[in-house]
Amino acid sequence: MSVQEFDNEEGARVCPYCSCSNDCDHLLLLVDKTFRDAEGGALMRLFNDRWSDLCQMGGDDFDEREHFEDLLEEIDSCADYSADFDYEGGPGRSSAYSIYYVKSAEKSKDILARLTARFMSGGDA
Protein backbone atom coordinates (compact mmCIF):
# COMPACT_ATOMS: atom_id res chain seq x y z
CA MET A 1 0.00 0.00 0.00
CA SER A 2 1.46 3.37 -0.96
CA VAL A 3 1.26 6.51 1.13
CA GLN A 4 -1.16 7.96 -1.43
CA GLU A 5 -3.51 5.01 -0.90
CA PHE A 6 -3.14 5.60 2.80
CA ASP A 7 -4.68 9.10 2.48
CA ASN A 8 -8.42 9.72 2.34
CA GLU A 9 -9.88 12.47 0.14
CA GLU A 10 -9.18 15.17 2.72
CA GLY A 11 -5.50 14.16 2.95
CA ALA A 12 -5.81 12.78 6.50
CA ARG A 13 -3.93 9.65 7.47
CA VAL A 14 -6.30 6.74 7.92
CA CYS A 15 -5.90 3.33 9.51
CA PRO A 16 -5.43 0.61 6.90
CA TYR A 17 -7.57 -1.74 9.02
CA CYS A 18 -10.57 0.34 10.15
CA SER A 19 -10.20 3.52 8.02
CA CYS A 20 -10.30 5.71 11.13
CA SER A 21 -8.46 9.02 10.70
CA ASN A 22 -8.00 9.51 14.47
CA ASP A 23 -6.27 7.38 17.09
CA CYS A 24 -7.69 3.87 16.94
CA ASP A 25 -6.86 0.55 18.58
CA HIS A 26 -4.65 -0.35 15.62
CA LEU A 27 -2.32 2.67 15.93
CA LEU A 28 0.92 1.47 17.45
CA LEU A 29 2.97 4.65 17.01
CA LEU A 30 3.00 7.98 15.20
CA VAL A 31 6.44 9.54 15.35
CA ASP A 32 7.85 12.85 14.13
CA LYS A 33 11.26 11.81 12.81
CA THR A 34 12.38 15.40 12.29
CA PHE A 35 12.03 16.35 15.95
CA ARG A 36 12.42 12.76 17.25
CA ASP A 37 9.18 12.73 19.21
CA ALA A 38 6.27 10.28 19.32
CA GLU A 39 2.91 12.03 18.97
CA GLY A 40 0.38 9.22 19.15
CA GLY A 41 -0.35 5.53 19.47
CA ALA A 42 -0.25 2.85 22.14
CA LEU A 43 3.56 3.05 22.38
CA MET A 44 3.83 6.86 22.51
CA ARG A 45 4.75 7.21 26.19
CA LEU A 46 7.00 4.14 26.22
CA PHE A 47 8.77 5.29 23.06
CA ASN A 48 9.37 8.83 24.34
CA ASP A 49 10.56 7.53 27.73
CA ARG A 50 12.94 5.06 26.07
CA TRP A 51 14.27 7.73 23.73
CA SER A 52 14.84 10.09 26.66
CA ASP A 53 16.66 7.34 28.58
CA LEU A 54 18.90 6.53 25.60
CA CYS A 55 19.79 10.21 25.18
CA GLN A 56 20.65 10.56 28.88
CA MET A 57 22.83 7.43 28.86
CA GLY A 58 24.47 8.35 25.57
CA GLY A 59 27.36 10.49 26.66
CA ASP A 60 29.50 12.74 24.48
CA ASP A 61 29.85 10.34 21.53
CA PHE A 62 26.12 9.56 21.31
CA ASP A 63 24.95 9.27 17.70
CA GLU A 64 21.29 10.33 17.95
CA ARG A 65 20.45 9.45 14.36
CA GLU A 66 21.75 5.89 14.64
CA HIS A 67 20.07 5.15 17.97
CA PHE A 68 16.79 6.74 16.91
CA GLU A 69 16.73 4.66 13.71
CA ASP A 70 17.49 1.52 15.77
CA LEU A 71 14.53 2.29 18.04
CA LEU A 72 12.27 2.83 15.02
CA GLU A 73 13.45 -0.48 13.54
CA GLU A 74 12.41 -2.20 16.77
CA ILE A 75 8.92 -0.75 16.43
CA ASP A 76 8.76 -1.54 12.70
CA SER A 77 9.63 -5.19 13.40
CA CYS A 78 6.52 -5.41 15.61
CA ALA A 79 4.15 -3.59 13.26
CA ASP A 80 1.92 -5.17 10.65
CA TYR A 81 1.90 -2.01 8.53
CA SER A 82 4.04 1.12 8.42
CA ALA A 83 4.31 4.19 6.23
CA ASP A 84 6.36 7.35 5.99
CA PHE A 85 4.96 10.73 5.03
CA ASP A 86 5.84 14.40 5.14
CA TYR A 87 3.76 17.08 6.80
CA GLU A 88 4.10 20.49 5.18
CA GLY A 89 3.23 23.02 7.86
CA GLY A 90 5.12 26.04 6.61
CA PRO A 91 8.60 27.31 7.43
CA GLY A 92 9.99 25.62 10.54
CA ARG A 93 6.84 23.50 10.91
CA SER A 94 7.39 20.76 8.35
CA SER A 95 8.29 17.27 9.52
CA ALA A 96 8.92 13.75 8.29
CA TYR A 97 6.69 11.20 10.01
CA SER A 98 6.51 7.44 10.38
CA ILE A 99 3.31 5.69 11.38
CA TYR A 100 2.95 2.09 12.55
CA TYR A 101 -0.17 -0.07 12.83
CA VAL A 102 -1.05 -3.56 14.04
CA LYS A 103 -4.01 -5.69 13.00
CA SER A 104 -5.57 -5.92 16.47
CA ALA A 105 -5.80 -4.16 19.81
CA GLU A 106 -4.70 -7.39 21.50
CA LYS A 107 -1.46 -7.41 19.51
CA SER A 108 -0.88 -3.78 20.45
CA LYS A 109 -1.26 -4.62 24.15
CA ASP A 110 1.09 -7.61 23.82
CA ILE A 111 3.75 -5.49 22.12
CA LEU A 112 3.42 -2.78 24.77
CA ALA A 113 3.87 -5.33 27.57
CA ARG A 114 6.81 -7.04 25.87
CA LEU A 115 8.67 -3.81 25.08
CA THR A 116 7.96 -2.37 28.52
CA ALA A 117 9.54 -5.44 30.14
CA ARG A 118 12.48 -5.33 27.74
CA PHE A 119 13.18 -1.64 28.19
CA MET A 120 12.71 -1.73 31.96
CA SER A 121 15.29 -4.51 32.19
CA GLY A 122 17.74 -2.31 30.31
CA GLY A 123 17.48 -4.25 27.05
CA ASP A 124 18.61 -2.48 23.94
CA ALA A 125 16.20 -1.41 21.27
C-alpha atoms as a PDB file:
ATOM      1  CA  MET A   1       0.000   0.000   0.000  1.00  0.00           C
ATOM      2  CA  SER A   2       1.460   3.367  -0.964  1.00  0.00           C
ATOM      3  CA  VAL A   3       1.261   6.509   1.134  1.00  0.00           C
ATOM      4  CA  GLN A   4      -1.163   7.960  -1.433  1.00  0.00           C
ATOM      5  CA  GLU A   5      -3.515   5.009  -0.903  1.00  0.00           C
ATOM      6  CA  PHE A   6      -3.138   5.599   2.796  1.00  0.00           C
ATOM      7  CA  ASP A   7      -4.682   9.097   2.482  1.00  0.00           C
ATOM      8  CA  ASN A   8      -8.417   9.720   2.340  1.00  0.00           C
ATOM      9  CA  GLU A   9      -9.882  12.466   0.136  1.00  0.00           C
ATOM     10  CA  GLU A  10      -9.175  15.166   2.720  1.00  0.00           C
ATOM     11  CA  GLY A  11      -5.496  14.156   2.953  1.00  0.00           C
ATOM     12  CA  ALA A  12      -5.809  12.781   6.496  1.00  0.00           C
ATOM     13  CA  ARG A  13      -3.928   9.648   7.467  1.00  0.00           C
ATOM     14  CA  VAL A  14      -6.298   6.745   7.919  1.00  0.00           C
ATOM     15  CA  CYS A  15      -5.901   3.331   9.514  1.00  0.00           C
ATOM     16  CA  PRO A  16      -5.425   0.609   6.897  1.00  0.00           C
ATOM     17  CA  TYR A  17      -7.573  -1.742   9.025  1.00  0.00           C
ATOM     18  CA  CYS A  18     -10.569   0.340  10.149  1.00  0.00           C
ATOM     19  CA  SER A  19     -10.200   3.517   8.024  1.00  0.00           C
ATOM     20  CA  CYS A  20     -10.303   5.714  11.132  1.00  0.00           C
ATOM     21  CA  SER A  21      -8.462   9.024  10.703  1.00  0.00           C
ATOM     22  CA  ASN A  22      -8.001   9.509  14.471  1.00  0.00           C
ATOM     23  CA  ASP A  23      -6.275   7.380  17.088  1.00  0.00           C
ATOM     24  CA  CYS A  24      -7.689   3.872  16.937  1.00  0.00           C
ATOM     25  CA  ASP A  25      -6.864   0.555  18.581  1.00  0.00           C
ATOM     26  CA  HIS A  26      -4.646  -0.349  15.616  1.00  0.00           C
ATOM     27  CA  LEU A  27      -2.319   2.666  15.929  1.00  0.00           C
ATOM     28  CA  LEU A  28       0.924   1.466  17.452  1.00  0.00           C
ATOM     29  CA  LEU A  29       2.968   4.647  17.006  1.00  0.00           C
ATOM     30  CA  LEU A  30       2.997   7.979  15.197  1.00  0.00           C
ATOM     31  CA  VAL A  31       6.443   9.544  15.354  1.00  0.00           C
ATOM     32  CA  ASP A  32       7.846  12.849  14.129  1.00  0.00           C
ATOM     33  CA  LYS A  33      11.257  11.812  12.805  1.00  0.00           C
ATOM     34  CA  THR A  34      12.383  15.402  12.286  1.00  0.00           C
ATOM     35  CA  PHE A  35      12.026  16.348  15.948  1.00  0.00           C
ATOM     36  CA  ARG A  36      12.416  12.760  17.252  1.00  0.00           C
ATOM     37  CA  ASP A  37       9.176  12.731  19.211  1.00  0.00           C
ATOM     38  CA  ALA A  38       6.275  10.281  19.323  1.00  0.00           C
ATOM     39  CA  GLU A  39       2.913  12.033  18.973  1.00  0.00           C
ATOM     40  CA  GLY A  40       0.381   9.219  19.152  1.00  0.00           C
ATOM     41  CA  GLY A  41      -0.352   5.535  19.473  1.00  0.00           C
ATOM     42  CA  ALA A  42      -0.251   2.848  22.137  1.00  0.00           C
ATOM     43  CA  LEU A  43       3.557   3.050  22.376  1.00  0.00           C
ATOM     44  CA  MET A  44       3.825   6.855  22.514  1.00  0.00           C
ATOM     45  CA  ARG A  45       4.745   7.214  26.191  1.00  0.00           C
ATOM     46  CA  LEU A  46       6.999   4.141  26.221  1.00  0.00           C
ATOM     47  CA  PHE A  47       8.774   5.292  23.059  1.00  0.00           C
ATOM     48  CA  ASN A  48       9.370   8.827  24.344  1.00  0.00           C
ATOM     49  CA  ASP A  49      10.557   7.534  27.734  1.00  0.00           C
ATOM     50  CA  ARG A  50      12.937   5.064  26.075  1.00  0.00           C
ATOM     51  CA  TRP A  51      14.275   7.732  23.729  1.00  0.00           C
ATOM     52  CA  SER A  52      14.842  10.086  26.659  1.00  0.00           C
ATOM     53  CA  ASP A  53      16.664   7.338  28.580  1.00  0.00           C
ATOM     54  CA  LEU A  54      18.898   6.534  25.600  1.00  0.00           C
ATOM     55  CA  CYS A  55      19.794  10.210  25.184  1.00  0.00           C
ATOM     56  CA  GLN A  56      20.647  10.564  28.882  1.00  0.00           C
ATOM     57  CA  MET A  57      22.825   7.432  28.864  1.00  0.00           C
ATOM     58  CA  GLY A  58      24.467   8.349  25.565  1.00  0.00           C
ATOM     59  CA  GLY A  59      27.358  10.489  26.656  1.00  0.00           C
ATOM     60  CA  ASP A  60      29.501  12.735  24.483  1.00  0.00           C
ATOM     61  CA  ASP A  61      29.848  10.342  21.535  1.00  0.00           C
ATOM     62  CA  PHE A  62      26.123   9.556  21.310  1.00  0.00           C
ATOM     63  CA  ASP A  63      24.948   9.274  17.699  1.00  0.00           C
ATOM     64  CA  GLU A  64      21.293  10.333  17.950  1.00  0.00           C
ATOM     65  CA  ARG A  65      20.453   9.453  14.361  1.00  0.00           C
ATOM     66  CA  GLU A  66      21.750   5.887  14.636  1.00  0.00           C
ATOM     67  CA  HIS A  67      20.067   5.146  17.975  1.00  0.00           C
ATOM     68  CA  PHE A  68      16.787   6.736  16.911  1.00  0.00           C
ATOM     69  CA  GLU A  69      16.729   4.659  13.714  1.00  0.00           C
ATOM     70  CA  ASP A  70      17.490   1.518  15.769  1.00  0.00           C
ATOM     71  CA  LEU A  71      14.534   2.288  18.036  1.00  0.00           C
ATOM     72  CA  LEU A  72      12.271   2.828  15.020  1.00  0.00           C
ATOM     73  CA  GLU A  73      13.447  -0.478  13.537  1.00  0.00           C
ATOM     74  CA  GLU A  74      12.413  -2.203  16.773  1.00  0.00           C
ATOM     75  CA  ILE A  75       8.917  -0.748  16.426  1.00  0.00           C
ATOM     76  CA  ASP A  76       8.761  -1.544  12.703  1.00  0.00           C
ATOM     77  CA  SER A  77       9.630  -5.185  13.395  1.00  0.00           C
ATOM     78  CA  CYS A  78       6.521  -5.414  15.607  1.00  0.00           C
ATOM     79  CA  ALA A  79       4.150  -3.592  13.259  1.00  0.00           C
ATOM     80  CA  ASP A  80       1.915  -5.167  10.654  1.00  0.00           C
ATOM     81  CA  TYR A  81       1.902  -2.007   8.535  1.00  0.00           C
ATOM     82  CA  SER A  82       4.039   1.125   8.425  1.00  0.00           C
ATOM     83  CA  ALA A  83       4.312   4.194   6.228  1.00  0.00           C
ATOM     84  CA  ASP A  84       6.359   7.352   5.986  1.00  0.00           C
ATOM     85  CA  PHE A  85       4.960  10.729   5.031  1.00  0.00           C
ATOM     86  CA  ASP A  86       5.839  14.405   5.140  1.00  0.00           C
ATOM     87  CA  TYR A  87       3.759  17.077   6.797  1.00  0.00           C
ATOM     88  CA  GLU A  88       4.102  20.489   5.182  1.00  0.00           C
ATOM     89  CA  GLY A  89       3.232  23.020   7.857  1.00  0.00           C
ATOM     90  CA  GLY A  90       5.121  26.036   6.607  1.00  0.00           C
ATOM     91  CA  PRO A  91       8.603  27.313   7.434  1.00  0.00           C
ATOM     92  CA  GLY A  92       9.987  25.622  10.541  1.00  0.00           C
ATOM     93  CA  ARG A  93       6.843  23.501  10.912  1.00  0.00           C
ATOM     94  CA  SER A  94       7.393  20.758   8.354  1.00  0.00           C
ATOM     95  CA  SER A  95       8.290  17.267   9.516  1.00  0.00           C
ATOM     96  CA  ALA A  96       8.920  13.753   8.292  1.00  0.00           C
ATOM     97  CA  TYR A  97       6.690  11.204  10.008  1.00  0.00           C
ATOM     98  CA  SER A  98       6.505   7.444  10.377  1.00  0.00           C
ATOM     99  CA  ILE A  99       3.310   5.691  11.384  1.00  0.00           C
ATOM    100  CA  TYR A 100       2.954   2.088  12.553  1.00  0.00           C
ATOM    101  CA  TYR A 101      -0.172  -0.068  12.830  1.00  0.00           C
ATOM    102  CA  VAL A 102      -1.051  -3.559  14.043  1.00  0.00           C
ATOM    103  CA  LYS A 103      -4.013  -5.685  13.003  1.00  0.00           C
ATOM    104  CA  SER A 104      -5.571  -5.918  16.469  1.00  0.00           C
ATOM    105  CA  ALA A 105      -5.803  -4.161  19.813  1.00  0.00           C
ATOM    106  CA  GLU A 106      -4.699  -7.393  21.497  1.00  0.00           C
ATOM    107  CA  LYS A 107      -1.462  -7.410  19.514  1.00  0.00           C
ATOM    108  CA  SER A 108      -0.876  -3.781  20.448  1.00  0.00           C
ATOM    109  CA  LYS A 109      -1.259  -4.623  24.153  1.00  0.00           C
ATOM    110  CA  ASP A 110       1.086  -7.614  23.823  1.00  0.00           C
ATOM    111  CA  ILE A 111       3.753  -5.488  22.121  1.00  0.00           C
ATOM    112  CA  LEU A 112       3.418  -2.779  24.770  1.00  0.00           C
ATOM    113  CA  ALA A 113       3.868  -5.335  27.568  1.00  0.00           C
ATOM    114  CA  ARG A 114       6.814  -7.045  25.871  1.00  0.00           C
ATOM    115  CA  LEU A 115       8.675  -3.811  25.079  1.00  0.00           C
ATOM    116  CA  THR A 116       7.959  -2.371  28.523  1.00  0.00           C
ATOM    117  CA  ALA A 117       9.537  -5.436  30.141  1.00  0.00           C
ATOM    118  CA  ARG A 118      12.482  -5.331  27.743  1.00  0.00           C
ATOM    119  CA  PHE A 119      13.176  -1.635  28.187  1.00  0.00           C
ATOM    120  CA  MET A 120      12.705  -1.732  31.958  1.00  0.00           C
ATOM    121  CA  SER A 121      15.288  -4.511  32.190  1.00  0.00           C
ATOM    122  CA  GLY A 122      17.742  -2.313  30.313  1.00  0.00           C
ATOM    123  CA  GLY A 123      17.480  -4.253  27.050  1.00  0.00           C
ATOM    124  CA  ASP A 124      18.607  -2.480  23.937  1.00  0.00           C
ATOM    125  CA  ALA A 125      16.205  -1.412  21.265  1.00  0.00           C
END
